[in-house]
Amino acid sequence: MPADSFYMLGHNGQVVAMVPSKDLVVVRLGQTLSGGDWDTARDLSPLVNAFPDTARASGS
């Protein structure tokens, strides 16, 4: 995950992940019940890495 990534974890594995350098927001509404194998950083990384970094316009 990029260094500027942050995320919020919800009930049963729900996740909202924000990646400003990619202008990307990912929402996961699926459930991970006890004993599940969901790992937020590991499982979101391939998806996040599929998006290019965005060029930020500098303000004058």
N, C-alpha and C. Protein backbone atom coordinates (compact mmCIF):
# COMPACT_ATOMS: atom_id res chain seq x y z
N MET A 1 0.85 -1.18 0.00
CA MET A 1 0.00 0.00 0.00
C MET A 1 0.89 1.24 0.00
N PRO A 2 0.54 2.29 -0.76
CA PRO A 2 1.31 3.53 -0.75
C PRO A 2 1.37 4.15 0.64
N ALA A 3 2.41 4.92 0.87
CA ALA A 3 2.63 5.52 2.19
C ALA A 3 1.50 6.46 2.62
N ASP A 4 0.79 7.05 1.66
CA ASP A 4 -0.28 7.99 2.03
C ASP A 4 -1.64 7.30 2.21
N SER A 5 -1.66 5.98 2.18
CA SER A 5 -2.91 5.23 2.36
C SER A 5 -3.39 5.28 3.80
N PHE A 6 -4.68 5.29 3.95
CA PHE A 6 -5.26 5.11 5.28
C PHE A 6 -6.62 4.47 5.09
N TYR A 7 -7.09 3.80 6.13
CA TYR A 7 -8.37 3.14 6.00
C TYR A 7 -9.10 3.08 7.33
N MET A 8 -10.40 2.84 7.21
CA MET A 8 -11.28 2.70 8.38
C MET A 8 -11.83 1.28 8.34
N LEU A 9 -11.80 0.62 9.48
CA LEU A 9 -12.30 -0.75 9.57
C LEU A 9 -13.66 -0.75 10.25
N GLY A 10 -14.56 -1.55 9.71
CA GLY A 10 -15.90 -1.63 10.27
C GLY A 10 -16.23 -3.03 10.75
N HIS A 11 -17.48 -3.25 11.01
CA HIS A 11 -17.98 -4.52 11.54
C HIS A 11 -17.83 -5.65 10.52
N ASN A 12 -17.36 -6.80 10.97
CA ASN A 12 -17.21 -8.01 10.14
C ASN A 12 -16.36 -7.79 8.89
N GLY A 13 -15.34 -6.97 8.99
CA GLY A 13 -14.40 -6.81 7.89
C GLY A 13 -14.75 -5.77 6.86
N GLN A 14 -15.74 -4.93 7.11
CA GLN A 14 -16.02 -3.85 6.18
C GLN A 14 -14.87 -2.85 6.23
N VAL A 15 -14.51 -2.29 5.07
CA VAL A 15 -13.35 -1.41 4.97
C VAL A 15 -13.66 -0.24 4.04
N VAL A 16 -13.20 0.94 4.40
CA VAL A 16 -13.14 2.08 3.49
C VAL A 16 -11.67 2.47 3.45
N ALA A 17 -11.05 2.37 2.28
CA ALA A 17 -9.63 2.70 2.13
C ALA A 17 -9.49 3.91 1.22
N MET A 18 -8.66 4.86 1.62
CA MET A 18 -8.40 6.06 0.83
C MET A 18 -6.92 6.09 0.46
N VAL A 19 -6.66 6.41 -0.82
CA VAL A 19 -5.28 6.52 -1.30
C VAL A 19 -5.19 7.83 -2.10
N PRO A 20 -4.83 8.93 -1.43
CA PRO A 20 -4.80 10.23 -2.11
C PRO A 20 -3.89 10.28 -3.34
N SER A 21 -2.75 9.60 -3.31
CA SER A 21 -1.83 9.66 -4.44
C SER A 21 -2.40 9.01 -5.70
N LYS A 22 -3.46 8.27 -5.56
CA LYS A 22 -4.11 7.63 -6.71
C LYS A 22 -5.54 8.14 -6.92
N ASP A 23 -5.95 9.15 -6.15
CA ASP A 23 -7.33 9.64 -6.19
C ASP A 23 -8.30 8.46 -6.10
N LEU A 24 -8.06 7.57 -5.16
CA LEU A 24 -8.78 6.31 -5.09
C LEU A 24 -9.44 6.12 -3.73
N VAL A 25 -10.69 5.68 -3.77
CA VAL A 25 -11.40 5.25 -2.57
C VAL A 25 -11.94 3.85 -2.87
N VAL A 26 -11.67 2.91 -1.98
CA VAL A 26 -12.15 1.53 -2.13
C VAL A 26 -13.05 1.23 -0.94
N VAL A 27 -14.23 0.68 -1.22
CA VAL A 27 -15.17 0.31 -0.17
C VAL A 27 -15.42 -1.19 -0.28
N ARG A 28 -15.24 -1.89 0.83
CA ARG A 28 -15.53 -3.32 0.89
C ARG A 28 -16.67 -3.52 1.88
N LEU A 29 -17.79 -4.04 1.38
CA LEU A 29 -18.96 -4.25 2.23
C LEU A 29 -19.16 -5.73 2.58
N GLY A 30 -18.29 -6.59 2.06
CA GLY A 30 -18.40 -8.02 2.36
C GLY A 30 -18.10 -8.31 3.81
N GLN A 31 -18.51 -9.47 4.26
CA GLN A 31 -18.29 -9.86 5.64
C GLN A 31 -17.13 -10.84 5.74
N THR A 32 -16.38 -10.74 6.81
CA THR A 32 -15.38 -11.73 7.16
C THR A 32 -15.78 -12.23 8.54
N LEU A 33 -16.35 -13.39 8.57
CA LEU A 33 -16.79 -13.94 9.85
C LEU A 33 -15.58 -14.51 10.59
N SER A 34 -15.74 -14.81 11.86
CA SER A 34 -14.59 -15.30 12.63
C SER A 34 -13.97 -16.51 11.94
N GLY A 35 -12.64 -16.50 11.93
CA GLY A 35 -11.89 -17.56 11.27
C GLY A 35 -11.61 -17.25 9.81
N GLY A 36 -12.10 -16.11 9.31
CA GLY A 36 -11.87 -15.74 7.91
C GLY A 36 -10.42 -15.36 7.67
N ASP A 37 -10.05 -15.26 6.40
CA ASP A 37 -8.66 -15.02 6.05
C ASP A 37 -8.46 -13.64 5.43
N TRP A 38 -9.34 -12.69 5.64
CA TRP A 38 -9.19 -11.35 5.05
C TRP A 38 -8.11 -10.58 5.79
N ASP A 39 -7.18 -10.02 5.04
CA ASP A 39 -6.13 -9.15 5.59
C ASP A 39 -6.17 -7.87 4.78
N THR A 40 -6.51 -6.77 5.39
CA THR A 40 -6.77 -5.52 4.67
C THR A 40 -5.60 -5.10 3.79
N ALA A 41 -4.41 -4.93 4.34
CA ALA A 41 -3.27 -4.46 3.55
C ALA A 41 -2.91 -5.47 2.46
N ARG A 42 -2.85 -6.73 2.79
CA ARG A 42 -2.47 -7.76 1.81
C ARG A 42 -3.50 -7.86 0.69
N ASP A 43 -4.78 -7.87 1.04
CA ASP A 43 -5.82 -8.11 0.05
C ASP A 43 -6.17 -6.89 -0.79
N LEU A 44 -5.94 -5.69 -0.26
CA LEU A 44 -6.21 -4.48 -1.05
C LEU A 44 -5.04 -4.08 -1.93
N SER A 45 -3.82 -4.49 -1.59
CA SER A 45 -2.63 -4.06 -2.34
C SER A 45 -2.71 -4.33 -3.84
N PRO A 46 -3.09 -5.53 -4.30
CA PRO A 46 -3.15 -5.76 -5.75
C PRO A 46 -4.14 -4.82 -6.45
N LEU A 47 -5.26 -4.56 -5.82
CA LEU A 47 -6.25 -3.65 -6.40
C LEU A 47 -5.71 -2.23 -6.47
N VAL A 48 -5.16 -1.75 -5.37
CA VAL A 48 -4.61 -0.39 -5.31
C VAL A 48 -3.47 -0.23 -6.31
N ASN A 49 -2.60 -1.23 -6.41
CA ASN A 49 -1.45 -1.15 -7.32
C ASN A 49 -1.85 -1.18 -8.79
N ALA A 50 -3.07 -1.60 -9.10
CA ALA A 50 -3.54 -1.62 -10.48
C ALA A 50 -3.86 -0.22 -11.00
N PHE A 51 -3.97 0.75 -10.10
CA PHE A 51 -4.29 2.12 -10.49
C PHE A 51 -3.01 2.95 -10.53
N PRO A 52 -2.87 3.81 -11.56
CA PRO A 52 -1.66 4.65 -11.65
C PRO A 52 -1.70 5.78 -10.62
N ASP A 53 -0.52 6.27 -10.26
CA ASP A 53 -0.45 7.47 -9.43
C ASP A 53 -1.00 8.64 -10.25
N THR A 54 -1.61 9.59 -9.57
CA THR A 54 -2.15 10.75 -10.27
C THR A 54 -1.20 11.92 -10.10
N ALA A 55 -1.10 12.71 -11.12
CA ALA A 55 -0.28 13.93 -11.05
C ALA A 55 -1.12 15.01 -10.40
N ARG A 56 -0.60 15.62 -9.39
CA ARG A 56 -1.31 16.70 -8.69
C ARG A 56 -0.91 18.04 -9.31
N ALA A 57 -1.90 18.83 -9.65
CA ALA A 57 -1.62 20.17 -10.15
C ALA A 57 -1.18 21.04 -8.97
N SER A 58 -0.14 21.82 -9.19
CA SER A 58 0.32 22.69 -8.10
C SER A 58 -0.47 23.99 -8.15
N GLY A 59 -0.88 24.46 -7.00
CA GLY A 59 -1.62 25.72 -6.93
C GLY A 59 -0.67 26.91 -7.00
N SER A 60 -1.09 27.98 -7.69
CA SER A 60 -0.24 29.16 -7.78
C SER A 60 -0.81 30.28 -6.96
